[in-house]
Amino acid sequence: MLAMQPLLRRLTEIVTRWRGLLGLAHNRYRPELHYMRGPGPKWHAKHSA
């Protein structure tokens, strides 16, 4: 039973890190969806001359 303790400790560490990665991947905040993608119609109307 003592020989399995390092293995169990390592598996616990792997599972903990894996859950952390899954938590980051599941983050719903995506700032790229809120960035402007270019000038809008008012800018084009003002600068088209």
N, C-alpha and C. Protein backbone atom coordinates (compact mmCIF):
# COMPACT_ATOMS: atom_id res chain seq x y z
N MET A 1 0.82 -1.20 0.00
CA MET A 1 0.00 0.00 0.00
C MET A 1 0.87 1.26 0.00
N LEU A 2 2.01 1.22 0.65
CA LEU A 2 2.90 2.37 0.67
C LEU A 2 3.48 2.67 -0.69
N ALA A 3 3.64 1.64 -1.50
CA ALA A 3 4.20 1.83 -2.84
C ALA A 3 3.22 2.57 -3.75
N MET A 4 1.94 2.57 -3.44
CA MET A 4 0.94 3.23 -4.29
C MET A 4 0.77 4.71 -3.94
N GLN A 5 1.28 5.15 -2.81
CA GLN A 5 1.08 6.55 -2.41
C GLN A 5 1.68 7.55 -3.40
N PRO A 6 2.91 7.36 -3.89
CA PRO A 6 3.42 8.32 -4.88
C PRO A 6 2.59 8.33 -6.16
N LEU A 7 2.12 7.17 -6.58
CA LEU A 7 1.29 7.09 -7.77
C LEU A 7 -0.02 7.84 -7.56
N LEU A 8 -0.65 7.63 -6.42
CA LEU A 8 -1.91 8.31 -6.13
C LEU A 8 -1.70 9.82 -6.01
N ARG A 9 -0.59 10.22 -5.44
CA ARG A 9 -0.28 11.65 -5.31
C ARG A 9 -0.11 12.26 -6.70
N ARG A 10 0.59 11.56 -7.57
CA ARG A 10 0.82 12.06 -8.93
C ARG A 10 -0.49 12.11 -9.72
N LEU A 11 -1.31 11.09 -9.60
CA LEU A 11 -2.60 11.09 -10.29
C LEU A 11 -3.49 12.23 -9.80
N THR A 12 -3.46 12.49 -8.50
CA THR A 12 -4.24 13.59 -7.94
C THR A 12 -3.76 14.92 -8.51
N GLU A 13 -2.45 15.08 -8.64
CA GLU A 13 -1.90 16.30 -9.21
C GLU A 13 -2.32 16.46 -10.66
N ILE A 14 -2.28 15.38 -11.42
CA ILE A 14 -2.68 15.43 -12.83
C ILE A 14 -4.16 15.80 -12.96
N VAL A 15 -5.00 15.19 -12.15
CA VAL A 15 -6.43 15.48 -12.21
C VAL A 15 -6.70 16.93 -11.82
N THR A 16 -6.00 17.42 -10.82
CA THR A 16 -6.19 18.81 -10.39
C THR A 16 -5.82 19.78 -11.50
N ARG A 17 -4.69 19.54 -12.16
CA ARG A 17 -4.27 20.42 -13.26
C ARG A 17 -5.23 20.31 -14.45
N TRP A 18 -5.70 19.12 -14.73
CA TRP A 18 -6.62 18.91 -15.84
C TRP A 18 -7.92 19.68 -15.59
N ARG A 19 -8.42 19.63 -14.36
CA ARG A 19 -9.64 20.38 -14.03
C ARG A 19 -9.42 21.88 -14.18
N GLY A 20 -8.23 22.35 -13.82
CA GLY A 20 -7.92 23.76 -13.98
C GLY A 20 -7.93 24.16 -15.44
N LEU A 21 -7.35 23.33 -16.30
CA LEU A 21 -7.35 23.62 -17.74
C LEU A 21 -8.76 23.61 -18.31
N LEU A 22 -9.56 22.67 -17.87
CA LEU A 22 -10.95 22.62 -18.34
C LEU A 22 -11.72 23.86 -17.89
N GLY A 23 -11.42 24.32 -16.68
CA GLY A 23 -12.06 25.53 -16.19
C GLY A 23 -11.70 26.74 -17.03
N LEU A 24 -10.44 26.83 -17.45
CA LEU A 24 -10.02 27.94 -18.31
C LEU A 24 -10.67 27.84 -19.68
N ALA A 25 -10.77 26.65 -20.21
CA ALA A 25 -11.37 26.46 -21.53
C ALA A 25 -12.86 26.76 -21.51
N HIS A 26 -13.48 26.61 -20.37
CA HIS A 26 -14.93 26.81 -20.25
C HIS A 26 -15.28 28.25 -19.92
N ASN A 27 -14.27 29.12 -19.79
CA ASN A 27 -14.51 30.51 -19.47
C ASN A 27 -15.34 31.16 -20.58
N ARG A 28 -16.45 31.76 -20.21
CA ARG A 28 -17.35 32.30 -21.22
C ARG A 28 -16.99 33.71 -21.65
N TYR A 29 -16.07 34.39 -20.96
CA TYR A 29 -15.68 35.75 -21.34
C TYR A 29 -14.77 35.69 -22.56
N ARG A 30 -15.21 36.26 -23.65
CA ARG A 30 -14.42 36.28 -24.88
C ARG A 30 -14.33 37.72 -25.37
N PRO A 31 -13.28 38.43 -24.95
CA PRO A 31 -13.19 39.85 -25.28
C PRO A 31 -13.12 40.15 -26.77
N GLU A 32 -12.64 39.20 -27.58
CA GLU A 32 -12.54 39.48 -29.01
C GLU A 32 -13.91 39.70 -29.65
N LEU A 33 -14.97 39.25 -29.00
CA LEU A 33 -16.32 39.46 -29.53
C LEU A 33 -16.78 40.90 -29.33
N HIS A 34 -16.11 41.66 -28.44
CA HIS A 34 -16.54 43.01 -28.10
C HIS A 34 -15.67 44.09 -28.74
N TYR A 35 -14.61 43.70 -29.42
CA TYR A 35 -13.74 44.69 -30.04
C TYR A 35 -14.37 45.21 -31.32
N MET A 36 -14.07 46.46 -31.63
CA MET A 36 -14.54 47.02 -32.89
C MET A 36 -13.78 46.38 -34.04
N ARG A 37 -14.44 46.19 -35.15
CA ARG A 37 -13.82 45.54 -36.29
C ARG A 37 -13.45 46.51 -37.41
N GLY A 38 -13.67 47.77 -37.19
CA GLY A 38 -13.33 48.76 -38.21
C GLY A 38 -14.23 49.97 -38.11
N PRO A 39 -14.00 50.96 -38.96
CA PRO A 39 -14.83 52.16 -38.91
C PRO A 39 -16.27 51.85 -39.30
N GLY A 40 -17.16 52.58 -38.68
CA GLY A 40 -18.59 52.38 -38.94
C GLY A 40 -19.10 53.27 -40.04
N PRO A 41 -20.41 53.25 -40.28
CA PRO A 41 -21.00 54.02 -41.38
C PRO A 41 -20.85 55.54 -41.21
N LYS A 42 -20.87 56.04 -39.97
CA LYS A 42 -20.70 57.49 -39.76
C LYS A 42 -19.31 57.93 -40.19
N TRP A 43 -18.30 57.13 -39.88
CA TRP A 43 -16.93 57.47 -40.27
C TRP A 43 -16.80 57.46 -41.80
N HIS A 44 -17.39 56.47 -42.44
CA HIS A 44 -17.32 56.39 -43.90
C HIS A 44 -18.04 57.57 -44.54
N ALA A 45 -19.18 57.97 -43.99
CA ALA A 45 -19.92 59.11 -44.55
C ALA A 45 -19.13 60.40 -44.40
N LYS A 46 -18.44 60.55 -43.29
CA LYS A 46 -17.67 61.78 -43.03
C LYS A 46 -16.40 61.84 -43.88
N HIS A 47 -15.76 60.71 -44.13
CA HIS A 47 -14.47 60.69 -44.80
C HIS A 47 -14.55 60.23 -46.27
N SER A 48 -15.71 60.11 -46.84
CA SER A 48 -15.82 59.60 -48.19
C SER A 48 -15.48 60.65 -49.25
N ALA A 49 -15.44 61.90 -48.83
CA ALA A 49 -15.20 62.98 -49.81
C ALA A 49 -13.80 63.02 -50.34
